[in-house]
């Protein structure tokens, strides 16, 4: 079936919200499962359809800096600099929320994450709706994130979710999430992504200190500051692990673990990030009869002998963050 025109999809998305459905929106990171911020019934439906706990806050997607300012109680110069440098793009700013943002969206916190996605189609939908759209990733809670429309359609009923079709996500992993302490000149990375501390420093200069934030489990699981802070996340439907090892050990691993399918990842972090969730969603290989050849899968990366710049190291750390949370076994203890 041919994809509907953009104008038709925009119309269908707006109609879907009126009909009580959620709308799966394409972004450059992953697909989001969206509801308007002024519709608490639909926001609540995000949690129920995703099977997501209410203490895990949602990111609000906006179409302009002016719209972002409406949802922030105090928009300072540093936020403005960051927004103009990285939006639209894969950076989420955690700000003090205004009264227009429901505590259901923020899980009771006085802060909210704001992001302007890069998809022109999604930006037009938000513009026409004229309010921000609360949208976590369009997948079941803790499962692999979607980067294509088909990933969403395979998980949710058409009765619950209208899926906007667009090109596959070009970044491929979730946005970098940061908070800004203006008075102390500290930027805290709450979730790593493809915008790194080096990118932030290039924009803000050395006046700001860039710190890595503690995850929910390093604090308390009852106070999650941002999405993606749980220990288990992004998991596919089969057992998964990963190893950083030289490629010449692949044959040895195949011999030692015949029940495991080994997949070598690209050594370009941008390519690996873009393809990661699609690879996670690819089923285990089967024989001509459709029977599984393997019981589990292991991704291999060969970084051990490479000289990485600080930026490259951080990009790989963001990818490994996802792989670590998706891991369900290790070869050593299996």
C-alpha atoms as a PDB file:
ATOM      1  CA  UNK A   1       0.000   0.000   0.000  1.00  0.00           C
ATOM      2  CA  UNK A   2       1.349   3.430  -0.948  1.00  0.00           C
ATOM      3  CA  UNK A   3       2.154   5.771   1.881  1.00  0.00           C
ATOM      4  CA  UNK A   4      -0.398   8.543   2.406  1.00  0.00           C
ATOM      5  CA  UNK A   5       0.601  12.099   1.563  1.00  0.00           C
ATOM      6  CA  UNK A   6       1.993  14.251   4.356  1.00  0.00           C
ATOM      7  CA  UNK A   7      -1.101  16.453   4.410  1.00  0.00           C
ATOM      8  CA  UNK A   8      -3.324  13.367   4.704  1.00  0.00           C
ATOM      9  CA  UNK A   9      -1.219  11.954   7.535  1.00  0.00           C
ATOM     10  CA  UNK A  10      -1.317  15.262   9.394  1.00  0.00           C
ATOM     11  CA  UNK A  11      -5.098  15.302   9.077  1.00  0.00           C
ATOM     12  CA  UNK A  12      -5.346  11.668  10.208  1.00  0.00           C
ATOM     13  CA  UNK A  13      -3.085  12.320  13.208  1.00  0.00           C
ATOM     14  CA  UNK A  14      -5.211  15.245  14.388  1.00  0.00           C
ATOM     15  CA  UNK A  15      -8.378  13.203  13.862  1.00  0.00           C
ATOM     16  CA  UNK A  16      -6.893  10.241  15.753  1.00  0.00           C
ATOM     17  CA  UNK A  17      -6.385  12.351  18.873  1.00  0.00           C
ATOM     18  CA  UNK A  18      -9.978  13.583  18.635  1.00  0.00           C
ATOM     19  CA  UNK A  19     -11.113   9.956  18.388  1.00  0.00           C
ATOM     20  CA  UNK A  20      -9.237   9.022  21.571  1.00  0.00           C
ATOM     21  CA  UNK A  21      -6.267   7.344  19.932  1.00  0.00           C
ATOM     22  CA  UNK A  22      -2.558   7.885  20.515  1.00  0.00           C
ATOM     23  CA  UNK A  23      -0.356   8.914  17.586  1.00  0.00           C
ATOM     24  CA  UNK A  24       3.042   7.365  16.872  1.00  0.00           C
ATOM     25  CA  UNK A  25       5.253  10.184  15.614  1.00  0.00           C
ATOM     26  CA  UNK A  26       8.526   9.799  13.676  1.00  0.00           C
ATOM     27  CA  UNK A  27      11.609  11.585  14.952  1.00  0.00           C
ATOM     28  CA  UNK A  28      15.291  11.394  14.097  1.00  0.00           C
ATOM     29  CA  UNK A  29      15.950   9.436  17.308  1.00  0.00           C
ATOM     30  CA  UNK A  30      13.107   6.901  17.667  1.00  0.00           C
ATOM     31  CA  UNK A  31       9.342   6.866  17.116  1.00  0.00           C
ATOM     32  CA  UNK A  32       7.366   8.500  19.926  1.00  0.00           C
ATOM     33  CA  UNK A  33       3.939   7.517  21.273  1.00  0.00           C
ATOM     34  CA  UNK A  34       2.245  10.890  21.514  1.00  0.00           C
ATOM     35  CA  UNK A  35      -0.638  12.667  23.223  1.00  0.00           C
ATOM     36  CA  UNK A  36      -1.335  16.418  23.507  1.00  0.00           C
ATOM     37  CA  UNK A  37      -0.195  17.902  26.816  1.00  0.00           C
ATOM     38  CA  UNK A  38      -3.672  19.341  27.438  1.00  0.00           C
ATOM     39  CA  UNK A  39      -5.415  15.950  27.246  1.00  0.00           C
ATOM     40  CA  UNK A  40      -4.864  14.037  30.510  1.00  0.00           C
ATOM     41  CA  UNK A  41      -7.053  11.140  29.409  1.00  0.00           C
ATOM     42  CA  UNK A  42      -4.804  10.454  26.432  1.00  0.00           C
ATOM     43  CA  UNK A  43      -1.654  11.040  28.482  1.00  0.00           C
ATOM     44  CA  UNK A  44      -2.865   8.408  30.920  1.00  0.00           C
ATOM     45  CA  UNK A  45      -3.476   6.116  27.948  1.00  0.00           C
ATOM     46  CA  UNK A  46       0.228   6.367  27.030  1.00  0.00           C
ATOM     47  CA  UNK A  47       1.109   4.713  30.328  1.00  0.00           C
ATOM     48  CA  UNK A  48      -1.520   1.994  30.022  1.00  0.00           C
ATOM     49  CA  UNK A  49      -0.829   1.132  26.368  1.00  0.00           C
ATOM     50  CA  UNK A  50       2.940   1.082  26.919  1.00  0.00           C
ATOM     51  CA  UNK A  51       2.560  -0.696  30.284  1.00  0.00           C
ATOM     52  CA  UNK A  52       4.803   2.028  31.654  1.00  0.00           C
ATOM     53  CA  UNK A  53       4.936   2.900  35.382  1.00  0.00           C
ATOM     54  CA  UNK A  54       3.543   6.310  36.292  1.00  0.00           C
ATOM     55  CA  UNK A  55       6.758   7.284  38.079  1.00  0.00           C
ATOM     56  CA  UNK A  56       8.679   7.365  34.766  1.00  0.00           C
ATOM     57  CA  UNK A  57       8.285  10.913  33.345  1.00  0.00           C
ATOM     58  CA  UNK A  58       7.511  11.765  29.722  1.00  0.00           C
ATOM     59  CA  UNK A  59       9.316  14.112  27.342  1.00  0.00           C
ATOM     60  CA  UNK A  60       7.285  16.907  25.760  1.00  0.00           C
ATOM     61  CA  UNK A  61       7.950  17.574  22.079  1.00  0.00           C
ATOM     62  CA  UNK A  62       7.568  21.138  20.856  1.00  0.00           C
ATOM     63  CA  UNK A  63       7.772  22.852  17.458  1.00  0.00           C
ATOM     64  CA  UNK A  64       9.462  26.134  18.406  1.00  0.00           C
ATOM     65  CA  UNK A  65      11.481  27.820  21.125  1.00  0.00           C
ATOM     66  CA  UNK A  66       8.494  30.083  21.793  1.00  0.00           C
ATOM     67  CA  UNK A  67       6.379  27.008  22.516  1.00  0.00           C
ATOM     68  CA  UNK A  68       9.108  25.670  24.805  1.00  0.00           C
ATOM     69  CA  UNK A  69       9.058  28.902  26.797  1.00  0.00           C
ATOM     70  CA  UNK A  70       5.327  28.393  27.488  1.00  0.00           C
ATOM     71  CA  UNK A  71       6.107  25.138  29.283  1.00  0.00           C
ATOM     72  CA  UNK A  72       9.071  26.467  31.274  1.00  0.00           C
ATOM     73  CA  UNK A  73       8.659  28.657  34.365  1.00  0.00           C
ATOM     74  CA  UNK A  74      12.063  30.297  33.849  1.00  0.00           C
ATOM     75  CA  UNK A  75      13.775  30.269  30.450  1.00  0.00           C
ATOM     76  CA  UNK A  76      17.337  31.531  30.936  1.00  0.00           C
ATOM     77  CA  UNK A  77      20.132  32.534  28.555  1.00  0.00           C
ATOM     78  CA  UNK A  78      21.894  29.172  28.771  1.00  0.00           C
ATOM     79  CA  UNK A  79      18.754  27.254  27.788  1.00  0.00           C
ATOM     80  CA  UNK A  80      18.304  29.650  24.890  1.00  0.00           C
ATOM     81  CA  UNK A  81      21.881  29.121  23.692  1.00  0.00           C
ATOM     82  CA  UNK A  82      21.523  25.339  23.862  1.00  0.00           C
ATOM     83  CA  UNK A  83      18.131  25.306  22.144  1.00  0.00           C
ATOM     84  CA  UNK A  84      19.338  27.507  19.284  1.00  0.00           C
ATOM     85  CA  UNK A  85      22.459  25.368  18.856  1.00  0.00           C
ATOM     86  CA  UNK A  86      20.895  21.890  18.988  1.00  0.00           C
ATOM     87  CA  UNK A  87      17.207  22.232  18.071  1.00  0.00           C
ATOM     88  CA  UNK A  88      15.699  20.726  16.103  1.00  0.00           C
ATOM     89  CA  UNK A  89      17.786  17.736  17.104  1.00  0.00           C
ATOM     90  CA  UNK A  90      18.495  14.947  19.598  1.00  0.00           C
ATOM     91  CA  UNK A  91      18.863  17.030  22.773  1.00  0.00           C
ATOM     92  CA  UNK A  92      16.288  17.135  25.582  1.00  0.00           C
ATOM     93  CA  UNK A  93      16.444  20.005  28.077  1.00  0.00           C
ATOM     94  CA  UNK A  94      15.091  19.342  31.568  1.00  0.00           C
ATOM     95  CA  UNK A  95      13.611  22.620  32.815  1.00  0.00           C
ATOM     96  CA  UNK A  96      11.417  23.914  35.614  1.00  0.00           C
ATOM     97  CA  UNK A  97       7.890  23.269  34.368  1.00  0.00           C
ATOM     98  CA  UNK A  98       5.126  25.838  34.030  1.00  0.00           C
ATOM     99  CA  UNK A  99       1.544  25.349  35.213  1.00  0.00           C
ATOM    100  CA  UNK A 100       0.595  24.218  31.682  1.00  0.00           C
ATOM    101  CA  UNK A 101       2.383  20.895  32.243  1.00  0.00           C
ATOM    102  CA  UNK A 102       0.433  18.244  34.140  1.00  0.00           C
ATOM    103  CA  UNK A 103       2.111  16.398  37.009  1.00  0.00           C
ATOM    104  CA  UNK A 104       1.014  13.221  35.207  1.00  0.00           C
ATOM    105  CA  UNK A 105       3.545  14.052  32.488  1.00  0.00           C
ATOM    106  CA  UNK A 106       6.331  14.776  34.987  1.00  0.00           C
ATOM    107  CA  UNK A 107       5.533  11.958  37.437  1.00  0.00           C
ATOM    108  CA  UNK A 108       5.053  14.568  40.148  1.00  0.00           C
ATOM    109  CA  UNK A 109       8.395  16.304  39.560  1.00  0.00           C
ATOM    110  CA  UNK A 110       8.596  20.082  39.197  1.00  0.00           C
ATOM    111  CA  UNK A 111      10.695  19.656  36.042  1.00  0.00           C
ATOM    112  CA  UNK A 112       9.873  18.569  32.487  1.00  0.00           C
ATOM    113  CA  UNK A 113      11.999  17.432  29.556  1.00  0.00           C
ATOM    114  CA  UNK A 114      11.512  19.457  26.360  1.00  0.00           C
ATOM    115  CA  UNK A 115      12.719  18.570  22.875  1.00  0.00           C
ATOM    116  CA  UNK A 116      12.222  19.830  19.330  1.00  0.00           C
ATOM    117  CA  UNK A 117      12.444  16.822  16.978  1.00  0.00           C
ATOM    118  CA  UNK A 118      14.005  17.090  13.527  1.00  0.00           C
ATOM    119  CA  UNK A 119      11.208  15.410  11.549  1.00  0.00           C
ATOM    120  CA  UNK A 120       9.497  18.071   9.416  1.00  0.00           C
ATOM    121  CA  UNK A 121       6.319  15.982   9.350  1.00  0.00           C
ATOM    122  CA  UNK A 122       6.142  15.727  13.144  1.00  0.00           C
ATOM    123  CA  UNK A 123       6.933  19.430  13.546  1.00  0.00           C
ATOM    124  CA  UNK A 124       4.011  20.260  11.230  1.00  0.00           C
ATOM    125  CA  UNK A 125       1.697  18.028  13.242  1.00  0.00           C
ATOM    126  CA  UNK A 126       2.720  19.781  16.481  1.00  0.00           C
ATOM    127  CA  UNK A 127       2.347  23.195  14.843  1.00  0.00           C
ATOM    128  CA  UNK A 128      -1.154  22.408  13.636  1.00  0.00           C
ATOM    129  CA  UNK A 129      -2.158  20.940  16.997  1.00  0.00           C
ATOM    130  CA  UNK A 130      -0.711  24.122  18.552  1.00  0.00           C
ATOM    131  CA  UNK A 131       0.264  22.404  21.824  1.00  0.00           C
ATOM    132  CA  UNK A 132       3.209  20.308  22.926  1.00  0.00           C
ATOM    133  CA  UNK A 133       3.028  16.543  22.527  1.00  0.00           C
ATOM    134  CA  UNK A 134       4.056  14.261  25.391  1.00  0.00           C
ATOM    135  CA  UNK A 135       5.737  11.281  23.740  1.00  0.00           C
ATOM    136  CA  UNK A 136       7.925   8.506  25.143  1.00  0.00           C
ATOM    137  CA  UNK A 137       9.285   5.885  22.743  1.00  0.00           C
ATOM    138  CA  UNK A 138       6.550   3.938  20.951  1.00  0.00           C
ATOM    139  CA  UNK A 139       7.272   0.500  22.380  1.00  0.00           C
ATOM    140  CA  UNK A 140       6.234  -1.623  25.324  1.00  0.00           C
ATOM    141  CA  UNK A 141       8.022  -0.625  28.534  1.00  0.00           C
ATOM    142  CA  UNK A 142      11.645  -1.939  28.752  1.00  0.00           C
ATOM    143  CA  UNK A 143      11.435  -3.366  25.211  1.00  0.00           C
ATOM    144  CA  UNK A 144      13.456  -2.382  22.143  1.00  0.00           C
ATOM    145  CA  UNK A 145      12.735   1.121  20.851  1.00  0.00           C
ATOM    146  CA  UNK A 146      11.205   1.577  17.369  1.00  0.00           C
ATOM    147  CA  UNK A 147      12.972   3.383  14.529  1.00  0.00           C
ATOM    148  CA  UNK A 148      10.507   2.501  11.738  1.00  0.00           C
ATOM    149  CA  UNK A 149       6.741   2.692  11.388  1.00  0.00           C
ATOM    150  CA  UNK A 150       6.542  -1.106  11.031  1.00  0.00           C
ATOM    151  CA  UNK A 151       8.191  -1.522  14.448  1.00  0.00           C
ATOM    152  CA  UNK A 152       5.300   0.387  16.027  1.00  0.00           C
ATOM    153  CA  UNK A 153       2.551  -1.281  14.005  1.00  0.00           C
ATOM    154  CA  UNK A 154       3.788  -4.708  15.058  1.00  0.00           C
ATOM    155  CA  UNK A 155       3.360  -3.871  18.755  1.00  0.00           C
ATOM    156  CA  UNK A 156       0.158  -1.848  19.027  1.00  0.00           C
ATOM    157  CA  UNK A 157      -3.414  -2.191  17.828  1.00  0.00           C
ATOM    158  CA  UNK A 158      -4.750   0.220  15.211  1.00  0.00           C
ATOM    159  CA  UNK A 159      -7.635   0.761  17.619  1.00  0.00           C
ATOM    160  CA  UNK A 160      -5.215   2.363  20.086  1.00  0.00           C
ATOM    161  CA  UNK A 161      -2.505   3.938  17.933  1.00  0.00           C
ATOM    162  CA  UNK A 162      -2.386   5.748  14.587  1.00  0.00           C
ATOM    163  CA  UNK A 163       1.109   5.412  13.101  1.00  0.00           C
ATOM    164  CA  UNK A 164       2.512   8.278  11.023  1.00  0.00           C
ATOM    165  CA  UNK A 165       4.795   6.883   8.310  1.00  0.00           C
ATOM    166  CA  UNK A 166       8.093   8.536   7.468  1.00  0.00           C
ATOM    167  CA  UNK A 167      11.711   7.618   6.712  1.00  0.00           C
ATOM    168  CA  UNK A 168      13.514   5.455   9.324  1.00  0.00           C
ATOM    169  CA  UNK A 169      15.088   7.367  12.216  1.00  0.00           C
ATOM    170  CA  UNK A 170      18.470   8.714  11.123  1.00  0.00           C
ATOM    171  CA  UNK A 171      20.051   9.008  14.599  1.00  0.00           C
ATOM    172  CA  UNK A 172      18.587   5.778  15.917  1.00  0.00           C
ATOM    173  CA  UNK A 173      18.994   5.998  19.696  1.00  0.00           C
ATOM    174  CA  UNK A 174      17.195   8.229  22.162  1.00  0.00           C
ATOM    175  CA  UNK A 175      18.141  11.869  22.719  1.00  0.00           C
ATOM    176  CA  UNK A 176      20.784  13.096  25.108  1.00  0.00           C
ATOM    177  CA  UNK A 177      18.981  14.470  28.185  1.00  0.00           C
ATOM    178  CA  UNK A 178      20.576  17.271  30.205  1.00  0.00           C
ATOM    179  CA  UNK A 179      19.712  19.592  33.067  1.00  0.00           C
ATOM    180  CA  UNK A 180      21.291  23.009  33.587  1.00  0.00           C
ATOM    181  CA  UNK A 181      22.246  24.568  36.922  1.00  0.00           C
ATOM    182  CA  UNK A 182      22.662  28.164  35.820  1.00  0.00           C
ATOM    183  CA  UNK A 183      23.874  29.561  39.134  1.00  0.00           C
ATOM    184  CA  UNK A 184      26.543  26.891  39.692  1.00  0.00           C
ATOM    185  CA  UNK A 185      27.426  26.692  35.959  1.00  0.00           C
ATOM    186  CA  UNK A 186      26.915  22.918  35.801  1.00  0.00           C
ATOM    187  CA  UNK A 187      25.327  20.868  33.017  1.00  0.00           C
ATOM    188  CA  UNK A 188      24.356  17.340  34.026  1.00  0.00           C
ATOM    189  CA  UNK A 189      23.897  14.576  31.442  1.00  0.00           C
ATOM    190  CA  UNK A 190      20.971  12.504  32.723  1.00  0.00           C
ATOM    191  CA  UNK A 191      20.888  10.179  29.726  1.00  0.00           C
ATOM    192  CA  UNK A 192      23.742   9.850  27.210  1.00  0.00           C
ATOM    193  CA  UNK A 193      23.070  10.132  23.505  1.00  0.00           C
ATOM    194  CA  UNK A 194      24.697  11.211  20.271  1.00  0.00           C
ATOM    195  CA  UNK A 195      25.178  14.783  21.495  1.00  0.00           C
ATOM    196  CA  UNK A 196      28.212  14.550  23.735  1.00  0.00           C
ATOM    197  CA  UNK A 197      29.815  16.617  26.478  1.00  0.00           C
ATOM    198  CA  UNK A 198      32.343  17.787  23.839  1.00  0.00           C
ATOM    199  CA  UNK A 199      29.467  19.107  21.719  1.00  0.00           C
ATOM    200  CA  UNK A 200      28.025  20.908  24.749  1.00  0.00           C
ATOM    201  CA  UNK A 201      31.389  22.439  25.649  1.00  0.00           C
ATOM    202  CA  UNK A 202      31.870  23.627  22.072  1.00  0.00           C
ATOM    203  CA  UNK A 203      28.670  25.643  22.453  1.00  0.00           C
ATOM    204  CA  UNK A 204      28.906  26.754  26.083  1.00  0.00           C
ATOM    205  CA  UNK A 205      32.680  27.065  26.395  1.00  0.00           C
ATOM    206  CA  UNK A 206      34.681  26.010  29.440  1.00  0.00           C
ATOM    207  CA  UNK A 207      32.585  28.224  31.697  1.00  0.00           C
ATOM    208  CA  UNK A 208      30.288  25.262  32.376  1.00  0.00           C
ATOM    209  CA  UNK A 209      31.280  21.987  34.000  1.00  0.00           C
ATOM    210  CA  UNK A 210      29.748  18.926  32.308  1.00  0.00           C
ATOM    211  CA  UNK A 211      28.847  16.123  34.698  1.00  0.00           C
ATOM    212  CA  UNK A 212      27.319  12.674  34.331  1.00  0.00           C
ATOM    213  CA  UNK A 213      24.154  12.270  36.373  1.00  0.00           C
ATOM    214  CA  UNK A 214      23.301   9.373  38.640  1.00  0.00           C
ATOM    215  CA  UNK A 215      20.726   6.888  37.398  1.00  0.00           C
ATOM    216  CA  UNK A 216      17.518   6.206  39.260  1.00  0.00           C
ATOM    217  CA  UNK A 217      18.960   3.028  40.747  1.00  0.00           C
ATOM    218  CA  UNK A 218      21.975   4.948  42.030  1.00  0.00           C
ATOM    219  CA  UNK A 219      19.504   7.235  43.823  1.00  0.00           C
ATOM    220  CA  UNK A 220      16.067   5.747  44.348  1.00  0.00           C
ATOM    221  CA  UNK A 221      13.730   4.147  41.822  1.00  0.00           C
ATOM    222  CA  UNK A 222      10.876   6.281  43.154  1.00  0.00           C
ATOM    223  CA  UNK A 223      12.446   9.492  41.824  1.00  0.00           C
ATOM    224  CA  UNK A 224      13.375   9.063  38.184  1.00  0.00           C
ATOM    225  CA  UNK A 225      14.635  12.375  36.796  1.00  0.00           C
ATOM    226  CA  UNK A 226      14.509  11.401  33.126  1.00  0.00           C
ATOM    227  CA  UNK A 227      13.501   8.515  30.855  1.00  0.00           C
ATOM    228  CA  UNK A 228      16.004   5.731  30.199  1.00  0.00           C
ATOM    229  CA  UNK A 229      17.427   5.605  33.725  1.00  0.00           C
ATOM    230  CA  UNK A 230      16.324   2.080  34.590  1.00  0.00           C
ATOM    231  CA  UNK A 231      18.783  -0.791  34.806  1.00  0.00           C
ATOM    232  CA  UNK A 232      16.814  -2.991  32.359  1.00  0.00           C
ATOM    233  CA  UNK A 233      15.666  -1.383  29.121  1.00  0.00           C
ATOM    234  CA  UNK A 234      15.637  -1.688  25.295  1.00  0.00           C
ATOM    235  CA  UNK A 235      15.391  -5.492  25.510  1.00  0.00           C
ATOM    236  CA  UNK A 236      14.504  -7.645  22.475  1.00  0.00           C
ATOM    237  CA  UNK A 237      12.361 -10.790  22.553  1.00  0.00           C
ATOM    238  CA  UNK A 238      15.358 -13.141  22.742  1.00  0.00           C
ATOM    239  CA  UNK A 239      18.347 -13.347  25.154  1.00  0.00           C
ATOM    240  CA  UNK A 240      20.957 -10.758  24.178  1.00  0.00           C
ATOM    241  CA  UNK A 241      24.512  -9.892  25.176  1.00  0.00           C
ATOM    242  CA  UNK A 242      27.451  -7.995  23.712  1.00  0.00           C
ATOM    243  CA  UNK A 243      31.244  -8.189  23.826  1.00  0.00           C
ATOM    244  CA  UNK A 244      34.032  -5.770  22.978  1.00  0.00           C
ATOM    245  CA  UNK A 245      36.605  -8.094  21.459  1.00  0.00           C
ATOM    246  CA  UNK A 246      38.855  -8.380  18.444  1.00  0.00           C
ATOM    247  CA  UNK A 247      37.256  -9.765  15.289  1.00  0.00           C
ATOM    248  CA  UNK A 248      39.738 -12.638  15.082  1.00  0.00           C
ATOM    249  CA  UNK A 249      38.115 -14.161  18.191  1.00  0.00           C
ATOM    250  CA  UNK A 250      34.753 -14.512  16.442  1.00  0.00           C
ATOM    251  CA  UNK A 251      35.442 -18.040  15.164  1.00  0.00           C
ATOM    252  CA  UNK A 252      36.627 -19.099  18.601  1.00  0.00           C
ATOM    253  CA  UNK A 253      33.437 -17.754  20.144  1.00  0.00           C
ATOM    254  CA  UNK A 254      31.319 -19.552  17.561  1.00  0.00           C
ATOM    255  CA  UNK A 255      33.044 -22.811  18.491  1.00  0.00           C
ATOM    256  CA  UNK A 256      32.701 -22.237  22.242  1.00  0.00           C
ATOM    257  CA  UNK A 257      29.061 -21.093  22.106  1.00  0.00           C
ATOM    258  CA  UNK A 258      27.304 -22.908  19.234  1.00  0.00           C
ATOM    259  CA  UNK A 259      23.850 -21.897  20.518  1.00  0.00           C
ATOM    260  CA  UNK A 260      24.685 -18.194  20.130  1.00  0.00           C
ATOM    261  CA  UNK A 261      24.418 -16.084  16.977  1.00  0.00           C
ATOM    262  CA  UNK A 262      27.228 -13.515  16.730  1.00  0.00           C
ATOM    263  CA  UNK A 263      26.636 -10.205  14.950  1.00  0.00           C
ATOM    264  CA  UNK A 264      29.500  -7.780  14.289  1.00  0.00           C
ATOM    265  CA  UNK A 265      28.552  -4.116  14.639  1.00  0.00           C
ATOM    266  CA  UNK A 266      29.912  -1.339  12.450  1.00  0.00           C
ATOM    267  CA  UNK A 267      32.968   0.488  13.791  1.00  0.00           C
ATOM    268  CA  UNK A 268      31.323   3.790  12.833  1.00  0.00           C
ATOM    269  CA  UNK A 269      29.303   4.801  15.932  1.00  0.00           C
ATOM    270  CA  UNK A 270      26.813   6.802  13.858  1.00  0.00           C
ATOM    271  CA  UNK A 271      26.069   3.774  11.679  1.00  0.00           C
ATOM    272  CA  UNK A 272      25.789   1.448  14.680  1.00  0.00           C
ATOM    273  CA  UNK A 273      23.463   3.851  16.518  1.00  0.00           C
ATOM    274  CA  UNK A 274      21.245   4.226  13.450  1.00  0.00           C
ATOM    275  CA  UNK A 275      21.006   0.457  12.904  1.00  0.00           C
ATOM    276  CA  UNK A 276      21.092  -0.816  16.503  1.00  0.00           C
ATOM    277  CA  UNK A 277      17.391  -1.148  17.298  1.00  0.00           C
ATOM    278  CA  UNK A 278      16.588  -2.593  13.873  1.00  0.00           C
ATOM    279  CA  UNK A 279      19.264  -5.219  14.485  1.00  0.00           C
ATOM    280  CA  UNK A 280      17.811  -5.911  17.929  1.00  0.00           C
ATOM    281  CA  UNK A 281      14.398  -6.392  16.351  1.00  0.00           C
ATOM    282  CA  UNK A 282      15.744  -8.850  13.771  1.00  0.00           C
ATOM    283  CA  UNK A 283      14.723 -12.360  14.898  1.00  0.00           C
ATOM    284  CA  UNK A 284      17.199 -15.128  15.502  1.00  0.00           C
ATOM    285  CA  UNK A 285      18.195 -16.920  12.291  1.00  0.00           C
ATOM    286  CA  UNK A 286      16.148 -19.941  11.274  1.00  0.00           C
ATOM    287  CA  UNK A 287      16.657 -22.918   8.958  1.00  0.00           C
ATOM    288  CA  UNK A 288      14.637 -23.765   5.835  1.00  0.00           C
ATOM    289  CA  UNK A 289      11.896 -25.200   8.029  1.00  0.00           C
ATOM    290  CA  UNK A 290      11.587 -21.981  10.008  1.00  0.00           C
ATOM    291  CA  UNK A 291      13.160 -23.529  13.093  1.00  0.00           C
ATOM    292  CA  UNK A 292      15.500 -21.377  15.198  1.00  0.00           C
ATOM    293  CA  UNK A 293      19.155 -22.209  14.605  1.00  0.00           C
ATOM    294  CA  UNK A 294      20.274 -20.342  17.719  1.00  0.00           C
ATOM    295  CA  UNK A 295      18.822 -19.711  21.179  1.00  0.00           C
ATOM    296  CA  UNK A 296      20.378 -16.299  21.799  1.00  0.00           C
ATOM    297  CA  UNK A 297      22.354 -13.510  20.174  1.00  0.00           C
ATOM    298  CA  UNK A 298      25.530 -11.581  20.951  1.00  0.00           C
ATOM    299  CA  UNK A 299      26.634  -8.305  19.358  1.00  0.00           C
ATOM    300  CA  UNK A 300      30.383  -7.862  18.871  1.00  0.00           C
ATOM    301  CA  UNK A 301      32.279  -4.584  18.722  1.00  0.00           C
ATOM    302  CA  UNK A 302      36.019  -4.309  18.185  1.00  0.00           C
ATOM    303  CA  UNK A 303      37.140  -1.191  20.028  1.00  0.00           C
ATOM    304  CA  UNK A 304      39.919  -2.739  22.115  1.00  0.00           C
ATOM    305  CA  UNK A 305      42.744  -1.821  19.748  1.00  0.00           C
ATOM    306  CA  UNK A 306      41.386   1.443  18.372  1.00  0.00           C
ATOM    307  CA  UNK A 307      42.598   4.919  19.285  1.00  0.00           C
ATOM    308  CA  UNK A 308      39.399   6.837  20.019  1.00  0.00           C
ATOM    309  CA  UNK A 309      39.019  10.571  20.486  1.00  0.00           C
ATOM    310  CA  UNK A 310      37.144  11.784  23.567  1.00  0.00           C
ATOM    311  CA  UNK A 311      34.074  12.430  21.421  1.00  0.00           C
ATOM    312  CA  UNK A 312      34.239   8.962  19.814  1.00  0.00           C
ATOM    313  CA  UNK A 313      34.621   7.357  23.232  1.00  0.00           C
ATOM    314  CA  UNK A 314      31.538   9.177  24.470  1.00  0.00           C
ATOM    315  CA  UNK A 315      29.528   8.230  21.391  1.00  0.00           C
ATOM    316  CA  UNK A 316      30.386   4.579  21.972  1.00  0.00           C
ATOM    317  CA  UNK A 317      29.549   4.960  25.662  1.00  0.00           C
ATOM    318  CA  UNK A 318      26.051   6.080  24.653  1.00  0.00           C
ATOM    319  CA  UNK A 319      25.634   2.998  22.458  1.00  0.00           C
ATOM    320  CA  UNK A 320      27.063   0.692  25.118  1.00  0.00           C
ATOM    321  CA  UNK A 321      24.649   2.271  27.605  1.00  0.00           C
ATOM    322  CA  UNK A 322      21.802   0.850  25.497  1.00  0.00           C
ATOM    323  CA  UNK A 323      23.508  -2.502  24.969  1.00  0.00           C
ATOM    324  CA  UNK A 324      24.226  -2.900  28.681  1.00  0.00           C
ATOM    325  CA  UNK A 325      20.589  -2.221  29.600  1.00  0.00           C
ATOM    326  CA  UNK A 326      19.424  -4.654  26.893  1.00  0.00           C
ATOM    327  CA  UNK A 327      21.790  -7.435  28.020  1.00  0.00           C
ATOM    328  CA  UNK A 328      20.174 -10.472  29.659  1.00  0.00           C
ATOM    329  CA  UNK A 329      23.182 -12.796  29.913  1.00  0.00           C
ATOM    330  CA  UNK A 330      26.974 -12.806  29.736  1.00  0.00           C
ATOM    331  CA  UNK A 331      28.984 -15.492  27.991  1.00  0.00           C
ATOM    332  CA  UNK A 332      31.270 -15.931  30.973  1.00  0.00           C
ATOM    333  CA  UNK A 333      28.537 -16.902  33.438  1.00  0.00           C
ATOM    334  CA  UNK A 334      26.371 -18.844  31.027  1.00  0.00           C
END
